[in-house]
């Protein structure tokens, strides 16, 4: 008798069982998330001149076209950070990293804080809308996160 469709030798386990296996998404505490986000914001700040130069070279004011030009560079920065944190490389790893941060964001919001939510929104804006924060905005967010992580 043949095995059920899709369950032959070497077939992947059903999605539900893969999600339940150990080693799923990393879970951050609020202080861990603040330290992690401060680190990636510092990386973004270090590359800001490069990103601004790339944006200045852009001959379009259309947000979609500009996103296509800047998004690969921003994704490299964020993707590299999330890879160091144990997530897959590339945009999928960045997306999984943001998902893993949501538990800490929810916990901080339940406690009345907003630093993590604001930092995640800033990074998602940089990645998705290529809304690159200014150096002052990055430094201000870093200061907030570091003060809250202590």
C-alpha atoms as a PDB file:
ATOM      1  CA  UNK A   1       0.000   0.000   0.000  1.00  0.00           C
ATOM      2  CA  UNK A   2       1.221   3.504  -0.857  1.00  0.00           C
ATOM      3  CA  UNK A   3       1.680   6.115   1.863  1.00  0.00           C
ATOM      4  CA  UNK A   4      -0.899   8.933   1.950  1.00  0.00           C
ATOM      5  CA  UNK A   5      -0.289  11.717  -0.547  1.00  0.00           C
ATOM      6  CA  UNK A   6       2.623  13.927   0.449  1.00  0.00           C
ATOM      7  CA  UNK A   7       3.807  11.646   3.249  1.00  0.00           C
ATOM      8  CA  UNK A   8       6.277   9.502   1.321  1.00  0.00           C
ATOM      9  CA  UNK A   9       9.872   8.904   2.333  1.00  0.00           C
ATOM     10  CA  UNK A  10      11.594  12.190   3.125  1.00  0.00           C
ATOM     11  CA  UNK A  11       8.392  14.221   3.136  1.00  0.00           C
ATOM     12  CA  UNK A  12       8.227  17.133   5.553  1.00  0.00           C
ATOM     13  CA  UNK A  13       6.062  16.741   8.636  1.00  0.00           C
ATOM     14  CA  UNK A  14       2.771  18.645   8.574  1.00  0.00           C
ATOM     15  CA  UNK A  15       3.095  22.363   9.242  1.00  0.00           C
ATOM     16  CA  UNK A  16       1.450  22.145  12.672  1.00  0.00           C
ATOM     17  CA  UNK A  17       4.018  19.651  13.946  1.00  0.00           C
ATOM     18  CA  UNK A  18       6.927  21.724  12.555  1.00  0.00           C
ATOM     19  CA  UNK A  19       5.713  24.779  14.471  1.00  0.00           C
ATOM     20  CA  UNK A  20       5.563  22.849  17.729  1.00  0.00           C
ATOM     21  CA  UNK A  21       9.106  21.458  17.518  1.00  0.00           C
ATOM     22  CA  UNK A  22      11.781  22.873  19.835  1.00  0.00           C
ATOM     23  CA  UNK A  23      13.900  25.588  18.297  1.00  0.00           C
ATOM     24  CA  UNK A  24      10.989  27.594  16.928  1.00  0.00           C
ATOM     25  CA  UNK A  25      10.969  31.373  17.048  1.00  0.00           C
ATOM     26  CA  UNK A  26      13.292  32.884  19.576  1.00  0.00           C
ATOM     27  CA  UNK A  27      11.405  34.520  22.416  1.00  0.00           C
ATOM     28  CA  UNK A  28      12.717  37.841  23.709  1.00  0.00           C
ATOM     29  CA  UNK A  29      12.216  39.314  27.146  1.00  0.00           C
ATOM     30  CA  UNK A  30      11.609  43.079  27.168  1.00  0.00           C
ATOM     31  CA  UNK A  31      15.223  43.896  28.208  1.00  0.00           C
ATOM     32  CA  UNK A  32      16.655  41.444  25.632  1.00  0.00           C
ATOM     33  CA  UNK A  33      14.503  42.952  22.908  1.00  0.00           C
ATOM     34  CA  UNK A  34      15.580  46.470  23.855  1.00  0.00           C
ATOM     35  CA  UNK A  35      19.269  45.487  23.744  1.00  0.00           C
ATOM     36  CA  UNK A  36      18.798  43.718  20.403  1.00  0.00           C
ATOM     37  CA  UNK A  37      16.936  46.623  18.827  1.00  0.00           C
ATOM     38  CA  UNK A  38      19.460  49.163  20.134  1.00  0.00           C
ATOM     39  CA  UNK A  39      22.170  47.101  18.420  1.00  0.00           C
ATOM     40  CA  UNK A  40      20.423  47.016  15.043  1.00  0.00           C
ATOM     41  CA  UNK A  41      19.554  50.723  15.250  1.00  0.00           C
ATOM     42  CA  UNK A  42      23.256  51.460  15.820  1.00  0.00           C
ATOM     43  CA  UNK A  43      24.053  49.417  12.696  1.00  0.00           C
ATOM     44  CA  UNK A  44      21.482  51.374  10.725  1.00  0.00           C
ATOM     45  CA  UNK A  45      22.968  54.637  12.038  1.00  0.00           C
ATOM     46  CA  UNK A  46      26.461  53.510  11.023  1.00  0.00           C
ATOM     47  CA  UNK A  47      25.218  52.945   7.451  1.00  0.00           C
ATOM     48  CA  UNK A  48      23.084  56.067   7.328  1.00  0.00           C
ATOM     49  CA  UNK A  49      25.462  58.098   5.142  1.00  0.00           C
ATOM     50  CA  UNK A  50      25.520  55.226   2.668  1.00  0.00           C
ATOM     51  CA  UNK A  51      21.711  55.000   2.655  1.00  0.00           C
ATOM     52  CA  UNK A  52      21.303  58.763   2.307  1.00  0.00           C
ATOM     53  CA  UNK A  53      23.737  58.780  -0.621  1.00  0.00           C
ATOM     54  CA  UNK A  54      21.775  55.989  -2.281  1.00  0.00           C
ATOM     55  CA  UNK A  55      18.531  57.907  -1.727  1.00  0.00           C
ATOM     56  CA  UNK A  56      20.090  61.099  -3.116  1.00  0.00           C
ATOM     57  CA  UNK A  57      21.183  59.244  -6.267  1.00  0.00           C
ATOM     58  CA  UNK A  58      17.620  58.132  -6.831  1.00  0.00           C
ATOM     59  CA  UNK A  59      16.043  59.968  -9.741  1.00  0.00           C
ATOM     60  CA  UNK A  60      12.523  59.236  -8.569  1.00  0.00           C
ATOM     61  CA  UNK A  61      10.227  60.700  -5.986  1.00  0.00           C
ATOM     62  CA  UNK A  62       7.811  57.780  -6.323  1.00  0.00           C
ATOM     63  CA  UNK A  63       7.759  55.847  -3.043  1.00  0.00           C
ATOM     64  CA  UNK A  64       7.420  52.445  -4.735  1.00  0.00           C
ATOM     65  CA  UNK A  65      10.372  53.005  -7.053  1.00  0.00           C
ATOM     66  CA  UNK A  66      12.485  54.458  -4.274  1.00  0.00           C
ATOM     67  CA  UNK A  67      11.638  51.443  -2.099  1.00  0.00           C
ATOM     68  CA  UNK A  68      12.938  49.124  -4.827  1.00  0.00           C
ATOM     69  CA  UNK A  69      16.259  50.977  -4.771  1.00  0.00           C
ATOM     70  CA  UNK A  70      16.735  51.264  -0.992  1.00  0.00           C
ATOM     71  CA  UNK A  71      15.023  48.153   0.312  1.00  0.00           C
ATOM     72  CA  UNK A  72      17.811  45.701  -0.648  1.00  0.00           C
ATOM     73  CA  UNK A  73      20.384  47.700   1.340  1.00  0.00           C
ATOM     74  CA  UNK A  74      18.158  48.141   4.380  1.00  0.00           C
ATOM     75  CA  UNK A  75      17.183  44.471   4.220  1.00  0.00           C
ATOM     76  CA  UNK A  76      20.892  43.538   4.202  1.00  0.00           C
ATOM     77  CA  UNK A  77      21.444  45.507   7.405  1.00  0.00           C
ATOM     78  CA  UNK A  78      18.355  44.155   9.179  1.00  0.00           C
ATOM     79  CA  UNK A  79      18.747  40.665   7.702  1.00  0.00           C
ATOM     80  CA  UNK A  80      22.370  40.472   8.853  1.00  0.00           C
ATOM     81  CA  UNK A  81      21.351  41.447  12.356  1.00  0.00           C
ATOM     82  CA  UNK A  82      18.520  38.921  12.494  1.00  0.00           C
ATOM     83  CA  UNK A  83      20.831  36.224  11.084  1.00  0.00           C
ATOM     84  CA  UNK A  84      23.201  36.886  14.018  1.00  0.00           C
ATOM     85  CA  UNK A  85      20.174  36.429  16.276  1.00  0.00           C
ATOM     86  CA  UNK A  86      19.620  32.944  14.793  1.00  0.00           C
ATOM     87  CA  UNK A  87      17.023  33.628  12.106  1.00  0.00           C
ATOM     88  CA  UNK A  88      17.314  32.645   8.419  1.00  0.00           C
ATOM     89  CA  UNK A  89      19.082  34.971   6.007  1.00  0.00           C
ATOM     90  CA  UNK A  90      17.284  37.574   3.937  1.00  0.00           C
ATOM     91  CA  UNK A  91      13.847  39.178   4.049  1.00  0.00           C
ATOM     92  CA  UNK A  92      12.177  36.056   5.477  1.00  0.00           C
ATOM     93  CA  UNK A  93      14.588  36.056   8.416  1.00  0.00           C
ATOM     94  CA  UNK A  94      13.888  39.735   9.064  1.00  0.00           C
ATOM     95  CA  UNK A  95      10.155  39.065   8.990  1.00  0.00           C
ATOM     96  CA  UNK A  96      10.556  36.146  11.419  1.00  0.00           C
ATOM     97  CA  UNK A  97      12.717  38.331  13.661  1.00  0.00           C
ATOM     98  CA  UNK A  98      10.057  41.023  13.814  1.00  0.00           C
ATOM     99  CA  UNK A  99       7.468  38.347  14.641  1.00  0.00           C
ATOM    100  CA  UNK A 100       9.670  37.052  17.471  1.00  0.00           C
ATOM    101  CA  UNK A 101       9.901  40.562  18.922  1.00  0.00           C
ATOM    102  CA  UNK A 102       6.116  40.912  19.111  1.00  0.00           C
ATOM    103  CA  UNK A 103       5.836  39.015  22.412  1.00  0.00           C
ATOM    104  CA  UNK A 104       8.195  41.469  24.107  1.00  0.00           C
ATOM    105  CA  UNK A 105       6.401  44.407  22.462  1.00  0.00           C
ATOM    106  CA  UNK A 106       3.056  43.137  23.809  1.00  0.00           C
ATOM    107  CA  UNK A 107       4.521  42.605  27.288  1.00  0.00           C
ATOM    108  CA  UNK A 108       5.998  46.105  27.386  1.00  0.00           C
ATOM    109  CA  UNK A 109       2.721  47.637  26.177  1.00  0.00           C
ATOM    110  CA  UNK A 110       0.812  45.700  28.852  1.00  0.00           C
ATOM    111  CA  UNK A 111       3.174  47.295  31.379  1.00  0.00           C
ATOM    112  CA  UNK A 112       2.448  50.754  29.925  1.00  0.00           C
ATOM    113  CA  UNK A 113       5.609  51.186  27.817  1.00  0.00           C
ATOM    114  CA  UNK A 114       6.010  51.949  24.127  1.00  0.00           C
ATOM    115  CA  UNK A 115       9.772  51.983  23.421  1.00  0.00           C
ATOM    116  CA  UNK A 116       9.809  48.590  21.682  1.00  0.00           C
ATOM    117  CA  UNK A 117       6.695  49.283  19.611  1.00  0.00           C
ATOM    118  CA  UNK A 118       8.143  52.617  18.501  1.00  0.00           C
ATOM    119  CA  UNK A 119      11.506  51.021  17.626  1.00  0.00           C
ATOM    120  CA  UNK A 120       9.893  48.182  15.666  1.00  0.00           C
ATOM    121  CA  UNK A 121       7.706  50.688  13.811  1.00  0.00           C
ATOM    122  CA  UNK A 122      10.790  52.782  12.991  1.00  0.00           C
ATOM    123  CA  UNK A 123      12.636  49.746  11.602  1.00  0.00           C
ATOM    124  CA  UNK A 124       9.636  48.469   9.663  1.00  0.00           C
ATOM    125  CA  UNK A 125       9.188  51.952   8.191  1.00  0.00           C
ATOM    126  CA  UNK A 126      12.828  51.959   7.129  1.00  0.00           C
ATOM    127  CA  UNK A 127      12.495  48.509   5.586  1.00  0.00           C
ATOM    128  CA  UNK A 128       9.048  48.649   4.005  1.00  0.00           C
ATOM    129  CA  UNK A 129       8.572  52.312   3.103  1.00  0.00           C
ATOM    130  CA  UNK A 130      12.264  53.229   2.957  1.00  0.00           C
ATOM    131  CA  UNK A 131      11.524  55.926   5.497  1.00  0.00           C
ATOM    132  CA  UNK A 132      15.115  56.183   6.724  1.00  0.00           C
ATOM    133  CA  UNK A 133      15.161  57.887  10.127  1.00  0.00           C
ATOM    134  CA  UNK A 134      17.475  60.830  10.719  1.00  0.00           C
ATOM    135  CA  UNK A 135      20.619  60.441  12.794  1.00  0.00           C
ATOM    136  CA  UNK A 136      18.903  62.302  15.669  1.00  0.00           C
ATOM    137  CA  UNK A 137      15.866  59.993  15.500  1.00  0.00           C
ATOM    138  CA  UNK A 138      18.107  56.919  15.556  1.00  0.00           C
ATOM    139  CA  UNK A 139      20.189  58.251  18.443  1.00  0.00           C
ATOM    140  CA  UNK A 140      17.069  59.223  20.397  1.00  0.00           C
ATOM    141  CA  UNK A 141      15.559  55.768  19.939  1.00  0.00           C
ATOM    142  CA  UNK A 142      18.831  54.107  20.937  1.00  0.00           C
ATOM    143  CA  UNK A 143      18.962  56.204  24.111  1.00  0.00           C
ATOM    144  CA  UNK A 144      15.368  55.232  25.004  1.00  0.00           C
ATOM    145  CA  UNK A 145      16.037  51.533  24.429  1.00  0.00           C
ATOM    146  CA  UNK A 146      19.319  51.459  26.329  1.00  0.00           C
ATOM    147  CA  UNK A 147      17.800  53.310  29.296  1.00  0.00           C
ATOM    148  CA  UNK A 148      14.923  50.836  29.404  1.00  0.00           C
ATOM    149  CA  UNK A 149      17.147  47.765  29.041  1.00  0.00           C
ATOM    150  CA  UNK A 150      19.161  48.502  32.171  1.00  0.00           C
END
